Protein backbone atom coordinates (compact mmCIF):
# COMPACT_ATOMS: atom_id res chain seq x y z
CA UNK A 1 149.09 70.13 138.77
CA UNK A 2 147.93 73.75 139.01
CA UNK A 3 150.67 76.16 140.06
CA UNK A 4 150.14 79.04 142.46
CA UNK A 5 149.30 79.52 146.08
CA UNK A 6 147.54 76.84 148.08
CA UNK A 7 143.96 77.79 148.97
CA UNK A 8 143.64 79.49 152.34
CA UNK A 9 141.93 77.15 154.80
CA UNK A 10 138.73 78.58 156.24
CA UNK A 11 138.50 79.06 159.99
CA UNK A 12 136.35 76.47 161.79
CA UNK A 13 132.91 77.93 162.37
CA UNK A 14 133.22 80.57 159.62
CA UNK A 15 130.40 79.10 157.53
CA UNK A 16 128.03 79.23 160.50
CA UNK A 17 129.00 82.85 161.20
CA UNK A 18 128.18 83.73 157.59
CA UNK A 19 124.81 82.02 157.96
CA UNK A 20 124.16 84.00 161.15
CA UNK A 21 125.06 87.27 159.42
CA UNK A 22 122.65 86.38 156.63
CA UNK A 23 119.94 85.90 159.25
CA UNK A 24 120.71 89.34 160.72
CA UNK A 25 120.38 90.95 157.30
CA UNK A 26 117.31 89.14 155.96
CA UNK A 27 115.20 88.34 159.02
CA UNK A 28 116.26 90.96 161.55
CA UNK A 29 116.66 93.82 159.06
CA UNK A 30 120.01 94.82 160.59
CA UNK A 31 121.97 97.58 158.85
CA UNK A 32 125.07 96.81 156.81
CA UNK A 33 127.17 98.58 159.46
CA UNK A 34 125.70 96.42 162.25
CA UNK A 35 126.24 93.18 160.32
CA UNK A 36 129.86 94.12 159.58
CA UNK A 37 130.45 94.82 163.28
CA UNK A 38 128.99 91.44 164.32
CA UNK A 39 131.00 89.67 161.64
CA UNK A 40 134.27 91.34 162.69
CA UNK A 41 133.76 90.49 166.38
CA UNK A 42 132.85 86.88 165.66
CA UNK A 43 135.79 86.45 163.28
CA UNK A 44 138.09 87.68 166.06
CA UNK A 45 136.61 84.99 168.31
CA UNK A 46 137.11 82.31 165.63
CA UNK A 47 140.75 83.33 165.20
CA UNK A 48 141.31 83.08 168.95
CA UNK A 49 139.64 79.65 169.08
CA UNK A 50 141.83 78.37 166.23
CA UNK A 51 144.95 79.74 167.89
CA UNK A 52 144.31 78.10 171.28
CA UNK A 53 142.82 74.89 169.85
CA UNK A 54 139.22 75.38 171.04
CA UNK A 55 136.16 74.21 169.13
CA UNK A 56 134.39 77.57 168.58
CA UNK A 57 130.95 75.98 168.25
CA UNK A 58 131.08 73.42 171.06
CA UNK A 59 132.82 75.74 173.49
CA UNK A 60 132.49 75.65 177.27
CA UNK A 61 131.65 78.43 179.69
CA UNK A 62 135.17 78.57 181.16
CA UNK A 63 136.71 78.79 177.69
CA UNK A 64 134.56 81.80 176.82
CA UNK A 65 135.59 83.42 180.10
CA UNK A 66 139.20 82.79 179.10
CA UNK A 67 138.61 84.54 175.76
CA UNK A 68 137.15 87.62 177.44
CA UNK A 69 139.97 87.61 180.00
CA UNK A 70 142.52 87.70 177.17
CA UNK A 71 140.73 90.70 175.65
CA UNK A 72 140.97 92.39 179.03
CA UNK A 73 144.67 91.55 179.34
CA UNK A 74 145.19 93.06 175.88
CA UNK A 75 143.76 96.28 177.36
CA UNK A 76 140.60 96.38 175.27
CA UNK A 77 138.08 98.90 176.59
CA UNK A 78 135.35 97.35 178.70
CA UNK A 79 132.74 98.63 176.27
CA UNK A 80 134.55 96.76 173.47
CA UNK A 81 134.69 93.54 175.51
CA UNK A 82 131.00 93.93 176.27
CA UNK A 83 130.29 94.33 172.56
CA UNK A 84 132.23 91.14 171.75
CA UNK A 85 130.22 89.25 174.36
CA UNK A 86 126.98 90.67 172.96
CA UNK A 87 127.92 89.33 169.51
CA UNK A 88 128.69 85.91 171.00
CA UNK A 89 125.40 85.86 172.91
CA UNK A 90 123.39 86.69 169.79
CA UNK A 91 125.29 84.10 167.76
CA UNK A 92 124.87 81.24 170.26
CA UNK A 93 121.24 82.16 170.99
CA UNK A 94 120.46 82.00 167.27
CA UNK A 95 122.50 78.80 166.81
CA UNK A 96 120.68 76.90 169.56
CA UNK A 97 117.30 78.18 168.37
CA UNK A 98 117.81 76.88 164.82
CA UNK A 99 119.41 73.64 166.03
CA UNK A 100 122.91 74.32 164.70
CA UNK A 101 124.53 74.58 168.14
CA UNK A 102 123.86 72.16 171.02
CA UNK A 103 124.26 74.50 174.01
CA UNK A 104 124.54 78.20 174.75
CA UNK A 105 127.39 78.89 177.21
CA UNK A 106 127.45 82.60 176.34
CA UNK A 107 124.09 83.17 178.04
CA UNK A 108 125.58 82.61 181.51
CA UNK A 109 128.76 84.64 181.02
CA UNK A 110 128.55 87.93 182.91
CA UNK A 111 129.46 91.07 181.02
CA UNK A 112 132.16 93.33 182.49
CA UNK A 113 130.96 96.57 184.01
CA UNK A 114 131.28 99.21 181.35
CA UNK A 115 133.31 102.33 182.00
CA UNK A 116 130.91 105.21 182.59
CA UNK A 117 132.04 107.66 179.93
CA UNK A 118 129.95 110.62 178.91
CA UNK A 119 129.39 110.92 175.16
CA UNK A 120 131.16 113.68 173.25
CA UNK A 121 128.93 116.62 172.47
CA UNK A 122 129.26 119.80 170.44
CA UNK A 123 128.59 123.14 172.13
CA UNK A 124 125.87 125.35 170.68
CA UNK A 125 128.56 127.85 169.62
CA UNK A 126 130.43 125.15 167.73
CA UNK A 127 127.21 123.77 166.23
CA UNK A 128 126.48 127.25 164.85
CA UNK A 129 129.99 127.40 163.34
CA UNK A 130 129.55 123.95 161.82
CA UNK A 131 126.16 124.75 160.30
CA UNK A 132 127.52 128.00 158.87
CA UNK A 133 130.17 126.20 156.79
CA UNK A 134 127.71 125.30 154.01
CA UNK A 135 124.84 127.56 155.07
CA UNK A 136 123.36 130.62 153.31
CA UNK A 137 124.97 132.92 155.89
CA UNK A 138 128.62 132.73 156.97
CA UNK A 139 129.79 132.78 160.58
CA UNK A 140 129.96 136.59 160.48
CA UNK A 141 126.35 136.88 159.37
CA UNK A 142 127.05 137.76 155.76
CA UNK A 143 124.89 136.15 153.04
CA UNK A 144 126.68 134.08 150.42
CA UNK A 145 125.86 132.09 147.32
CA UNK A 146 125.52 128.33 147.81
CA UNK A 147 126.22 125.63 145.25
CA UNK A 148 123.67 122.78 145.00
CA UNK A 149 126.15 120.54 146.84
CA UNK A 150 126.53 123.08 149.65
CA UNK A 151 122.74 123.44 149.98
CA UNK A 152 122.48 119.66 150.29
CA UNK A 153 125.31 119.41 152.81
CA UNK A 154 123.84 122.25 154.88
CA UNK A 155 120.48 120.44 154.86
CA UNK A 156 122.11 117.15 155.95
CA UNK A 157 123.87 118.83 158.90
CA UNK A 158 120.67 120.64 159.90
CA UNK A 159 118.75 117.35 159.72
CA UNK A 160 121.29 115.49 161.87
CA UNK A 161 121.16 118.15 164.58
CA UNK A 162 117.46 119.02 164.26
CA UNK A 163 116.31 115.41 164.61
CA UNK A 164 119.17 113.75 166.51
CA UNK A 165 119.36 111.36 163.57
CA UNK A 166 121.99 108.76 162.80
CA UNK A 167 124.05 109.00 159.60
CA UNK A 168 122.37 105.84 158.30
CA UNK A 169 118.97 107.47 158.88
CA UNK A 170 119.98 110.55 156.90
CA UNK A 171 121.24 108.37 154.05
CA UNK A 172 118.08 106.26 154.03
CA UNK A 173 115.61 109.14 154.40
CA UNK A 174 112.86 108.92 151.77
CA UNK A 175 111.24 111.92 150.10
CA UNK A 176 107.78 110.73 151.17
CA UNK A 177 108.77 110.72 154.85
CA UNK A 178 109.36 114.48 155.12
CA UNK A 179 106.30 116.53 156.06
CA UNK A 180 107.04 120.25 155.88
CA UNK A 181 103.45 121.25 156.64
CA UNK A 182 103.58 119.55 160.04
CA UNK A 183 107.35 120.13 160.37
CA UNK A 184 108.06 116.49 161.15
CA UNK A 185 109.99 113.59 159.68
CA UNK A 186 109.39 109.86 159.71
CA UNK A 187 112.63 108.06 160.50
CA UNK A 188 113.40 104.35 160.30
CA UNK A 189 116.17 103.47 162.72
CA UNK A 190 117.78 100.26 163.93
CA UNK A 191 115.82 97.08 163.22
CA UNK A 192 113.50 99.12 160.99
CA UNK A 193 111.95 100.78 164.04
CA UNK A 194 109.80 103.72 162.96
CA UNK A 195 109.57 107.01 164.82
CA UNK A 196 108.25 110.51 164.11
CA UNK A 197 110.60 113.38 164.99
CA UNK A 198 109.77 117.12 164.89
CA UNK A 199 111.87 119.38 162.66
CA UNK A 200 113.30 122.62 163.97
CA UNK A 201 112.52 125.78 162.00
CA UNK A 202 116.13 126.04 160.86
CA UNK A 203 116.21 122.39 159.86
CA UNK A 204 112.95 122.64 157.93
CA UNK A 205 114.07 125.82 156.14
CA UNK A 206 117.41 124.33 155.04
CA UNK A 207 115.82 121.06 153.92
CA UNK A 208 113.03 122.78 152.00
CA UNK A 209 115.48 125.14 150.26
CA UNK A 210 117.57 122.13 149.23
CA UNK A 211 114.48 120.25 148.03
CA UNK A 212 113.22 123.11 145.86
CA UNK A 213 116.46 124.55 144.50
CA UNK A 214 119.35 122.08 144.77
CA UNK A 215 117.89 118.58 144.54
CA UNK A 216 116.47 119.03 140.98
CA UNK A 217 119.90 120.21 139.81
CA UNK A 218 121.65 117.22 141.39
CA UNK A 219 119.12 114.80 139.89
CA UNK A 220 119.39 116.46 136.43
CA UNK A 221 116.20 114.87 135.15
CA UNK A 222 116.61 111.58 137.02
CA UNK A 223 114.25 110.33 139.70
CA UNK A 224 115.00 109.08 143.22
CA UNK A 225 112.92 108.07 146.21
CA UNK A 226 115.69 109.24 148.53
CA UNK A 227 115.59 112.74 149.98
CA UNK A 228 119.34 113.35 150.01
CA UNK A 229 121.04 112.55 146.69
CA UNK A 230 124.64 112.53 145.53
CA UNK A 231 126.20 114.69 142.83
CA UNK A 232 125.23 111.96 140.36
CA UNK A 233 121.65 111.71 141.56
CA UNK A 234 122.08 108.50 143.56
CA UNK A 235 121.31 107.87 147.22
CA UNK A 236 123.75 109.86 149.34
CA UNK A 237 125.87 107.21 151.07
CA UNK A 238 126.86 107.09 154.72
CA UNK A 239 130.53 107.32 153.74
CA UNK A 240 129.85 110.51 151.78
CA UNK A 241 128.08 112.04 154.76
CA UNK A 242 130.93 111.17 157.12
CA UNK A 243 133.54 112.61 154.72
CA UNK A 244 131.48 115.78 154.31
CA UNK A 245 131.24 116.09 158.09
CA UNK A 246 135.03 115.86 158.44
CA UNK A 247 135.48 118.58 155.81
CA UNK A 248 132.99 120.77 157.66
CA UNK A 249 134.84 120.25 160.95
CA UNK A 250 138.12 121.32 159.32
CA UNK A 251 136.51 124.37 157.71
CA UNK A 252 134.95 125.40 161.04
CA UNK A 253 138.22 124.82 162.91
CA UNK A 254 136.65 122.27 165.24
CA UNK A 255 137.97 119.12 166.91
CA UNK A 256 138.67 116.55 164.17
CA UNK A 257 137.94 113.65 166.52
CA UNK A 258 134.24 114.60 166.58
CA UNK A 259 131.86 112.38 164.62
CA UNK A 260 128.36 113.01 163.22
CA UNK A 261 127.09 111.05 166.22
CA UNK A 262 128.25 113.95 168.42
CA UNK A 263 125.40 116.01 166.95
CA UNK A 264 122.99 113.29 168.08
CA UNK A 265 124.51 113.43 171.57
CA UNK A 266 124.20 117.22 171.56
CA UNK A 267 120.57 116.99 170.44
CA UNK A 268 119.72 114.73 173.39
CA UNK A 269 121.69 116.70 175.97
CA UNK A 270 120.25 120.05 174.87
CA UNK A 271 116.69 118.70 175.02
CA UNK A 272 117.13 117.33 178.54
CA UNK A 273 118.84 120.48 179.80
CA UNK A 274 115.97 122.45 178.25
CA UNK A 275 113.46 120.54 180.36
CA UNK A 276 112.36 117.68 178.07
CA UNK A 277 111.38 114.49 179.87
CA UNK A 278 113.51 111.38 179.46
CA UNK A 279 110.76 109.28 177.84
CA UNK A 280 110.16 111.86 175.10
CA UNK A 281 113.88 112.05 174.34
CA UNK A 282 113.99 108.25 174.20
CA UNK A 283 111.20 108.27 171.61
CA UNK A 284 112.88 110.95 169.49
CA UNK A 285 116.21 109.11 169.55
CA UNK A 286 114.59 105.77 168.82
CA UNK A 287 116.22 104.00 171.77
CA UNK A 288 114.75 100.59 172.55
CA UNK A 289 115.66 100.93 176.24
CA UNK A 290 115.31 103.90 178.54
CA UNK A 291 118.63 102.95 180.16
CA UNK A 292 120.40 103.85 176.91
CA UNK A 293 118.93 107.35 177.03
CA UNK A 294 119.86 107.84 180.69
CA UNK A 295 123.51 108.40 179.82
CA UNK A 296 122.46 111.89 178.71
CA UNK A 297 121.13 112.83 182.13
CA UNK A 298 124.54 114.06 183.28
CA UNK A 299 124.68 117.71 184.31
CA UNK A 300 127.54 120.18 184.37
CA UNK A 301 128.95 121.57 187.64
CA UNK A 302 127.75 125.02 186.53
CA UNK A 303 124.21 123.69 186.09
CA UNK A 304 124.35 122.06 189.53
CA UNK A 305 125.42 125.35 191.10
CA UNK A 306 122.55 127.13 189.37
CA UNK A 307 120.00 124.58 190.60
CA UNK A 308 121.53 124.68 194.10
CA UNK A 309 121.32 128.47 194.18
CA UNK A 310 117.67 128.47 193.14
CA UNK A 311 116.48 125.60 195.32
CA UNK A 312 118.56 125.46 198.50
CA UNK A 313 117.05 127.46 201.39
CA UNK A 314 120.45 128.70 202.62
CA UNK A 315 122.14 129.20 199.24
C-alpha cells in the first residue's frame, strides 16, 4: 500500500469546465487573463454546488438564482455578481451547443443591475508627472540621461496613454504593426479584434527613440517580433508592465490604487471632452458595444457650468 496523502477528489463538473476553458483558448482566441477569470468564477460555482449538494451541470433555474442570491448576501459587488452570471451563461450556452449539457437555465436568469460607477481616471497633470518618471525630461523640464530600460518604459507608458491600449495589447504589440510614417498602430484586442489607432506626437517620438536606441541594446544581437522586449530580449510580459507602472506611480507620488487601465479611461474621457464623437472613441478603444463606451460620457460639474454659461439665454 502506498503511503502518503489520499488523492484530492475533483469537484463534480471540473472536467467540463476545463474543456470549456480549452474552447475559449483555442476556438475563441480568448486571452490568458480572460480564461483565468472564467475558470475562477466557474470553480467558485462548482464549490458552491458541491457544498449545497446541487448537480452543477443539471442545475435548475431556481438553484442558480439561489447561488446569485448567496453572492449578494456575501456583499459581493453587483458588477462581480454580473460577471459570475456571464461566465455561467457562456458555459451553459457552450455546453448545450456541443451536446454536453441538456438544458440552459442560465439564459433566463436576469442579471442584477450594475452599480453605476465612473471609471478611475488620471488628470492631465498627473499623466505628465507619470510620463516624466522615465522620460528624457524630468518633471522640472531638465534633460536627463535614460537607460535602455527607462527608454522602453517611457515608450510603454506613452503607448498606453497615446492609444488607450490595454496592457495585454502593449505586451503583444508586434514590430510590424507600428507605422511611424503614418503615425498609427495596428492593435489586436479582445477576441483578436483588429483596430487601427493613431499615435500622438509624444507617443510616436518616445516609441521611435526606444526602437532606434534602446531596443537593439536590450536584444543584444537576438531577434524578436515583439515591439516591447524585456531586459533579456524576450516579449515584455503583462506582469512586468504592471510592476513597472506601480514603480512609476510611486516615483511620481501618485495614488497607488491606480492601474494601467486608468490611462485607458483617461484617454477615452479626454477625447470625448475634446469633442470626439462616441463612435470614433468606440473604434479606438476596440469596444464591441457602444454601450460600453457610453460610461465615459459623464461630465464634471465644472464642465456643465461652462456649457450652461455658453448656451443658456439667461445665464
